[in-house]
Amino acid sequence: MNPSAVPPKRKKKKKGEPSEPRKPRPINGELCLGVEELHKLLGISVKSVREQAGRGQLPYSRIAGRLVFERSQIELFLAARRVVTVDEAVRNARRETP
């Protein structure tokens, strides 16, 4: 057997040690995130992600019992809730004034 064809051995997980988060993967061509990836992206706890999804504050789907978040939907969700800074408001007001 060719040594380069042998896959690397997996590191054994110790009891109680958190598992490696899954890599984001496309579903129907759409990049999807799990709870672990989304909590890192948003900078909030895993518990907060689950609670906000349960309250309908984050758009999600459930696939095989797991919460799945479409990245494009999360980006739209965040853009809709973005707060305009004072500088942006002033710039926008100047553009609208004839």
N, C-alpha and C. Protein backbone atom coordinates (compact mmCIF):
# COMPACT_ATOMS: atom_id res chain seq x y z
N MET A 1 0.84 -1.18 0.00
CA MET A 1 0.00 0.00 0.00
C MET A 1 0.89 1.25 0.00
N ASN A 2 0.49 2.23 -0.76
CA ASN A 2 1.23 3.47 -0.87
C ASN A 2 1.07 4.29 0.42
N PRO A 3 2.17 4.63 1.12
CA PRO A 3 2.04 5.36 2.40
C PRO A 3 1.35 6.71 2.25
N SER A 4 1.50 7.36 1.10
CA SER A 4 0.86 8.67 0.94
C SER A 4 -0.65 8.54 0.76
N ALA A 5 -1.13 7.33 0.43
CA ALA A 5 -2.57 7.11 0.26
C ALA A 5 -3.26 6.80 1.57
N VAL A 6 -2.52 6.57 2.63
CA VAL A 6 -3.10 6.24 3.92
C VAL A 6 -3.58 7.53 4.59
N PRO A 7 -4.86 7.59 4.97
CA PRO A 7 -5.33 8.81 5.63
C PRO A 7 -4.69 8.96 7.00
N PRO A 8 -4.51 10.21 7.45
CA PRO A 8 -3.90 10.42 8.77
C PRO A 8 -4.83 9.88 9.87
N LYS A 9 -4.22 9.41 10.95
CA LYS A 9 -5.01 8.89 12.06
C LYS A 9 -5.71 10.05 12.76
N ARG A 10 -6.93 9.78 13.19
CA ARG A 10 -7.66 10.78 13.95
C ARG A 10 -7.17 10.81 15.37
N LYS A 11 -7.11 12.00 15.92
CA LYS A 11 -6.74 12.15 17.32
C LYS A 11 -7.94 11.71 18.16
N LYS A 12 -7.70 10.84 19.13
CA LYS A 12 -8.79 10.36 19.98
C LYS A 12 -9.27 11.47 20.89
N LYS A 13 -10.57 11.57 20.98
CA LYS A 13 -11.19 12.57 21.83
C LYS A 13 -11.29 12.03 23.25
N LYS A 14 -10.86 12.83 24.22
CA LYS A 14 -10.98 12.44 25.61
C LYS A 14 -12.40 12.70 26.08
N LYS A 15 -12.84 11.92 27.05
CA LYS A 15 -14.18 12.07 27.59
C LYS A 15 -14.36 13.48 28.16
N GLY A 16 -15.46 14.11 27.78
CA GLY A 16 -15.75 15.46 28.27
C GLY A 16 -15.13 16.56 27.43
N GLU A 17 -14.26 16.20 26.49
CA GLU A 17 -13.61 17.20 25.63
C GLU A 17 -14.58 17.56 24.51
N PRO A 18 -14.72 18.87 24.19
CA PRO A 18 -15.66 19.24 23.13
C PRO A 18 -15.18 18.71 21.78
N SER A 19 -16.14 18.35 20.95
CA SER A 19 -15.78 17.84 19.63
C SER A 19 -15.43 19.01 18.70
N GLU A 20 -14.73 18.68 17.63
CA GLU A 20 -14.38 19.70 16.63
C GLU A 20 -15.66 20.16 15.95
N PRO A 21 -15.84 21.48 15.78
CA PRO A 21 -17.04 21.92 15.07
C PRO A 21 -16.94 21.50 13.60
N ARG A 22 -18.09 21.19 13.04
CA ARG A 22 -18.11 20.81 11.63
C ARG A 22 -17.85 22.03 10.77
N LYS A 23 -17.26 21.79 9.62
CA LYS A 23 -16.99 22.87 8.69
C LYS A 23 -18.29 23.26 7.99
N PRO A 24 -18.47 24.57 7.71
CA PRO A 24 -19.67 24.98 6.98
C PRO A 24 -19.73 24.23 5.64
N ARG A 25 -20.91 23.81 5.26
CA ARG A 25 -21.04 23.06 4.02
C ARG A 25 -22.26 23.58 3.25
N PRO A 26 -22.19 23.48 1.93
CA PRO A 26 -23.33 23.95 1.15
C PRO A 26 -24.47 22.94 1.17
N ILE A 27 -25.67 23.45 1.24
CA ILE A 27 -26.87 22.64 1.11
C ILE A 27 -27.70 23.34 0.05
N ASN A 28 -27.98 22.64 -1.04
CA ASN A 28 -28.65 23.22 -2.21
C ASN A 28 -27.89 24.45 -2.72
N GLY A 29 -26.58 24.38 -2.71
CA GLY A 29 -25.75 25.47 -3.21
C GLY A 29 -25.59 26.63 -2.25
N GLU A 30 -26.21 26.55 -1.10
CA GLU A 30 -26.18 27.63 -0.11
C GLU A 30 -25.26 27.25 1.04
N LEU A 31 -24.34 28.15 1.40
CA LEU A 31 -23.44 27.87 2.51
C LEU A 31 -24.23 27.92 3.82
N CYS A 32 -24.18 26.83 4.57
CA CYS A 32 -24.93 26.74 5.82
C CYS A 32 -23.98 26.62 7.00
N LEU A 33 -24.41 27.16 8.11
CA LEU A 33 -23.63 27.14 9.34
C LEU A 33 -24.39 26.39 10.42
N GLY A 34 -23.65 25.75 11.30
CA GLY A 34 -24.24 25.13 12.47
C GLY A 34 -24.22 26.11 13.63
N VAL A 35 -24.70 25.67 14.76
CA VAL A 35 -24.75 26.52 15.95
C VAL A 35 -23.34 26.97 16.35
N GLU A 36 -22.38 26.04 16.30
CA GLU A 36 -20.99 26.37 16.69
C GLU A 36 -20.40 27.46 15.80
N GLU A 37 -20.58 27.33 14.50
CA GLU A 37 -20.01 28.32 13.58
C GLU A 37 -20.68 29.68 13.75
N LEU A 38 -22.02 29.65 13.94
CA LEU A 38 -22.74 30.91 14.06
C LEU A 38 -22.39 31.63 15.36
N HIS A 39 -22.20 30.88 16.43
CA HIS A 39 -21.86 31.56 17.69
C HIS A 39 -20.50 32.24 17.58
N LYS A 40 -19.57 31.63 16.85
CA LYS A 40 -18.27 32.27 16.65
C LYS A 40 -18.38 33.48 15.73
N LEU A 41 -19.19 33.37 14.69
CA LEU A 41 -19.38 34.47 13.74
C LEU A 41 -20.01 35.69 14.42
N LEU A 42 -21.01 35.45 15.26
CA LEU A 42 -21.73 36.55 15.91
C LEU A 42 -21.09 37.00 17.22
N GLY A 43 -20.23 36.16 17.79
CA GLY A 43 -19.59 36.52 19.05
C GLY A 43 -20.53 36.40 20.24
N ILE A 44 -21.48 35.48 20.14
CA ILE A 44 -22.39 35.24 21.26
C ILE A 44 -22.28 33.76 21.65
N SER A 45 -22.85 33.40 22.78
CA SER A 45 -22.72 32.03 23.26
C SER A 45 -23.59 31.07 22.44
N VAL A 46 -23.25 29.80 22.51
CA VAL A 46 -24.03 28.75 21.85
C VAL A 46 -25.46 28.78 22.41
N LYS A 47 -25.57 28.95 23.72
CA LYS A 47 -26.88 28.99 24.36
C LYS A 47 -27.72 30.15 23.79
N SER A 48 -27.09 31.30 23.59
CA SER A 48 -27.80 32.47 23.03
C SER A 48 -28.28 32.19 21.61
N VAL A 49 -27.44 31.53 20.81
CA VAL A 49 -27.85 31.19 19.44
C VAL A 49 -29.09 30.31 19.48
N ARG A 50 -29.06 29.26 20.31
CA ARG A 50 -30.20 28.34 20.41
C ARG A 50 -31.46 29.07 20.92
N GLU A 51 -31.30 29.91 21.93
CA GLU A 51 -32.45 30.64 22.49
C GLU A 51 -33.05 31.60 21.48
N GLN A 52 -32.19 32.34 20.77
CA GLN A 52 -32.68 33.31 19.79
C GLN A 52 -33.36 32.62 18.62
N ALA A 53 -32.83 31.48 18.21
CA ALA A 53 -33.48 30.70 17.14
C ALA A 53 -34.84 30.20 17.62
N GLY A 54 -34.89 29.71 18.85
CA GLY A 54 -36.15 29.20 19.41
C GLY A 54 -37.21 30.27 19.54
N ARG A 55 -36.80 31.52 19.79
CA ARG A 55 -37.74 32.63 19.90
C ARG A 55 -38.06 33.26 18.55
N GLY A 56 -37.45 32.73 17.48
CA GLY A 56 -37.71 33.27 16.14
C GLY A 56 -36.92 34.53 15.84
N GLN A 57 -35.89 34.81 16.63
CA GLN A 57 -35.08 36.01 16.41
C GLN A 57 -33.96 35.77 15.40
N LEU A 58 -33.64 34.52 15.12
CA LEU A 58 -32.65 34.17 14.10
C LEU A 58 -33.31 33.22 13.10
N PRO A 59 -33.14 33.48 11.80
CA PRO A 59 -33.73 32.57 10.81
C PRO A 59 -32.94 31.26 10.75
N TYR A 60 -33.66 30.12 10.79
CA TYR A 60 -32.98 28.83 10.78
C TYR A 60 -33.86 27.77 10.14
N SER A 61 -33.24 26.64 9.85
CA SER A 61 -33.94 25.44 9.41
C SER A 61 -33.51 24.33 10.35
N ARG A 62 -34.27 23.26 10.34
CA ARG A 62 -33.90 22.10 11.15
C ARG A 62 -33.73 20.93 10.19
N ILE A 63 -32.53 20.38 10.15
CA ILE A 63 -32.23 19.24 9.29
C ILE A 63 -31.71 18.13 10.17
N ALA A 64 -32.39 16.99 10.12
CA ALA A 64 -32.03 15.82 10.93
C ALA A 64 -31.89 16.20 12.41
N GLY A 65 -32.77 17.07 12.88
CA GLY A 65 -32.77 17.46 14.28
C GLY A 65 -31.75 18.52 14.65
N ARG A 66 -30.95 18.97 13.69
CA ARG A 66 -29.92 19.98 13.98
C ARG A 66 -30.36 21.33 13.45
N LEU A 67 -29.99 22.39 14.18
CA LEU A 67 -30.26 23.74 13.71
C LEU A 67 -29.24 24.08 12.62
N VAL A 68 -29.74 24.59 11.51
CA VAL A 68 -28.89 24.96 10.38
C VAL A 68 -29.25 26.38 9.97
N PHE A 69 -28.25 27.21 9.78
CA PHE A 69 -28.45 28.61 9.44
C PHE A 69 -27.84 28.90 8.08
N GLU A 70 -28.65 29.41 7.14
CA GLU A 70 -28.13 29.79 5.83
C GLU A 70 -27.39 31.11 5.99
N ARG A 71 -26.15 31.13 5.53
CA ARG A 71 -25.33 32.32 5.72
C ARG A 71 -25.96 33.55 5.08
N SER A 72 -26.53 33.40 3.89
CA SER A 72 -27.14 34.56 3.21
C SER A 72 -28.31 35.11 4.03
N GLN A 73 -29.10 34.23 4.66
CA GLN A 73 -30.22 34.68 5.49
C GLN A 73 -29.74 35.40 6.74
N ILE A 74 -28.65 34.91 7.31
CA ILE A 74 -28.07 35.57 8.49
C ILE A 74 -27.54 36.95 8.10
N GLU A 75 -26.89 37.04 6.93
CA GLU A 75 -26.38 38.34 6.48
C GLU A 75 -27.52 39.34 6.25
N LEU A 76 -28.63 38.89 5.63
CA LEU A 76 -29.80 39.75 5.44
C LEU A 76 -30.40 40.16 6.77
N PHE A 77 -30.49 39.21 7.69
CA PHE A 77 -31.01 39.45 9.02
C PHE A 77 -30.20 40.54 9.73
N LEU A 78 -28.88 40.43 9.66
CA LEU A 78 -28.00 41.41 10.31
C LEU A 78 -28.09 42.77 9.62
N ALA A 79 -28.13 42.77 8.29
CA ALA A 79 -28.21 44.03 7.55
C ALA A 79 -29.50 44.79 7.88
N ALA A 80 -30.59 44.07 8.06
CA ALA A 80 -31.88 44.69 8.37
C ALA A 80 -31.88 45.32 9.76
N ARG A 81 -31.01 44.84 10.64
CA ARG A 81 -30.96 45.34 12.01
C ARG A 81 -29.78 46.26 12.27
N ARG A 82 -29.08 46.61 11.21
CA ARG A 82 -27.89 47.46 11.36
C ARG A 82 -28.30 48.86 11.78
N VAL A 83 -27.56 49.42 12.72
CA VAL A 83 -27.81 50.77 13.21
C VAL A 83 -26.93 51.73 12.42
N VAL A 84 -27.54 52.79 11.91
CA VAL A 84 -26.80 53.79 11.14
C VAL A 84 -26.05 54.70 12.11
N THR A 85 -24.78 54.96 11.81
CA THR A 85 -23.99 55.85 12.67
C THR A 85 -24.39 57.30 12.41
N VAL A 86 -24.02 58.18 13.31
CA VAL A 86 -24.33 59.61 13.15
C VAL A 86 -23.67 60.15 11.88
N ASP A 87 -22.41 59.76 11.65
CA ASP A 87 -21.72 60.22 10.44
C ASP A 87 -22.44 59.79 9.17
N GLU A 88 -22.91 58.55 9.14
CA GLU A 88 -23.64 58.06 7.96
C GLU A 88 -24.96 58.82 7.79
N ALA A 89 -25.63 59.10 8.88
CA ALA A 89 -26.90 59.84 8.81
C ALA A 89 -26.67 61.24 8.26
N VAL A 90 -25.60 61.90 8.69
CA VAL A 90 -25.27 63.24 8.21
C VAL A 90 -24.95 63.18 6.71
N ARG A 91 -24.12 62.22 6.30
CA ARG A 91 -23.77 62.06 4.88
C ARG A 91 -25.01 61.81 4.03
N ASN A 92 -25.89 60.96 4.51
CA ASN A 92 -27.12 60.65 3.77
C ASN A 92 -28.02 61.88 3.68
N ALA A 93 -28.11 62.66 4.74
CA ALA A 93 -28.93 63.87 4.74
C ALA A 93 -28.37 64.89 3.75
N ARG A 94 -27.05 65.00 3.64
CA ARG A 94 -26.44 65.95 2.69
C ARG A 94 -26.71 65.53 1.27
N ARG A 95 -26.70 64.24 1.00
CA ARG A 95 -26.96 63.74 -0.36
C ARG A 95 -28.39 64.00 -0.77
N GLU A 96 -29.32 63.91 0.19
CA GLU A 96 -30.75 64.08 -0.12
C GLU A 96 -31.14 65.55 -0.24
N THR A 97 -30.36 66.47 0.35
CA THR A 97 -30.67 67.89 0.30
C THR A 97 -30.25 68.47 -1.05
N PRO A 98 -31.20 69.14 -1.76
CA PRO A 98 -30.85 69.70 -3.09
C PRO A 98 -29.97 70.91 -3.02
